[in-house]
Amino acid sequence: MIIEVFKTNVQEESQCAIIIEILLEHYPNSSINFDLEDCDKILRIHAPVISNKKIIDILNSHGYLCEVLP
């Protein structure tokens, strides 16, 4: 399993639920969560295979900023 962590501009729990649902369509066997308490509004994905570009593209296409945290 791979864990990737992203910085986002997601602000609301309701937005998180929608994004998680969309990401689970692409990564059905994964664990996805947000940490909105963190200043970087962290998106964490734990999955067998992860495409950072695909995740960034998905969030961007829904109007959110997303970048990989080093």
Protein backbone atom coordinates (compact mmCIF):
# COMPACT_ATOMS: atom_id res chain seq x y z
CA MET A 1 0.00 0.00 0.00
CA ILE A 2 1.11 3.54 -0.80
CA ILE A 3 0.31 6.64 1.21
CA GLU A 4 0.29 10.03 -0.51
CA VAL A 5 -0.37 13.36 1.18
CA PHE A 6 -1.65 16.44 -0.64
CA LYS A 7 -2.12 20.10 0.26
CA THR A 8 -5.57 21.38 -0.78
CA ASN A 9 -7.81 24.42 -0.43
CA VAL A 10 -10.88 22.39 0.62
CA GLN A 11 -12.65 24.18 3.48
CA GLU A 12 -15.87 22.33 4.37
CA GLU A 13 -16.72 18.82 5.55
CA SER A 14 -19.45 18.69 2.89
CA GLN A 15 -16.82 19.33 0.19
CA CYS A 16 -14.67 16.55 1.67
CA ALA A 17 -17.53 14.05 1.44
CA ILE A 18 -18.11 14.84 -2.25
CA ILE A 19 -14.40 14.66 -3.12
CA ILE A 20 -13.92 11.40 -1.23
CA GLU A 21 -16.88 9.86 -3.07
CA ILE A 22 -15.41 10.92 -6.44
CA LEU A 23 -11.93 9.64 -5.55
CA LEU A 24 -13.33 6.31 -4.34
CA GLU A 25 -14.79 5.79 -7.82
CA HIS A 26 -11.22 5.90 -9.16
CA TYR A 27 -9.57 4.20 -6.16
CA PRO A 28 -12.20 1.79 -4.78
CA ASN A 29 -9.84 -0.18 -2.50
CA SER A 30 -8.41 2.83 -0.74
CA SER A 31 -8.68 4.80 2.47
CA ILE A 32 -9.16 8.54 1.86
CA ASN A 33 -9.49 11.30 4.42
CA PHE A 34 -9.03 15.00 4.98
CA ASP A 35 -7.52 16.89 7.89
CA LEU A 36 -9.16 20.32 7.72
CA GLU A 37 -7.62 21.27 11.08
CA ASP A 38 -4.19 21.32 9.44
CA CYS A 39 -3.19 24.64 7.84
CA ASP A 40 -2.58 22.77 4.54
CA LYS A 41 -6.08 21.17 4.52
CA ILE A 42 -4.46 17.77 4.09
CA LEU A 43 -5.85 15.07 1.78
CA ARG A 44 -4.41 11.65 2.63
CA ILE A 45 -4.86 8.64 0.35
CA HIS A 46 -3.83 5.10 1.28
CA ALA A 47 -4.16 2.83 -1.76
CA PRO A 48 -2.42 -0.01 -3.62
CA VAL A 49 -1.69 2.26 -6.61
CA ILE A 50 -1.84 6.04 -6.73
CA SER A 51 -1.39 8.49 -9.60
CA ASN A 52 -0.56 11.89 -8.14
CA LYS A 53 -1.32 13.58 -11.46
CA LYS A 54 -4.73 11.92 -11.68
CA ILE A 55 -5.67 12.97 -8.13
CA ILE A 56 -4.53 16.55 -8.76
CA ASP A 57 -6.44 16.61 -12.07
CA ILE A 58 -9.62 15.32 -10.40
CA LEU A 59 -9.53 17.98 -7.68
CA ASN A 60 -8.62 20.71 -10.19
CA SER A 61 -11.53 19.72 -12.43
CA HIS A 62 -13.87 20.29 -9.49
CA GLY A 63 -12.40 23.73 -8.75
CA TYR A 64 -9.97 22.85 -5.95
CA LEU A 65 -6.26 23.41 -5.68
CA CYS A 66 -4.20 20.33 -4.91
CA GLU A 67 -0.47 19.66 -4.73
CA VAL A 68 1.72 16.87 -3.42
CA LEU A 69 3.34 17.56 -0.08
CA PRO A 70 7.01 16.59 -0.07
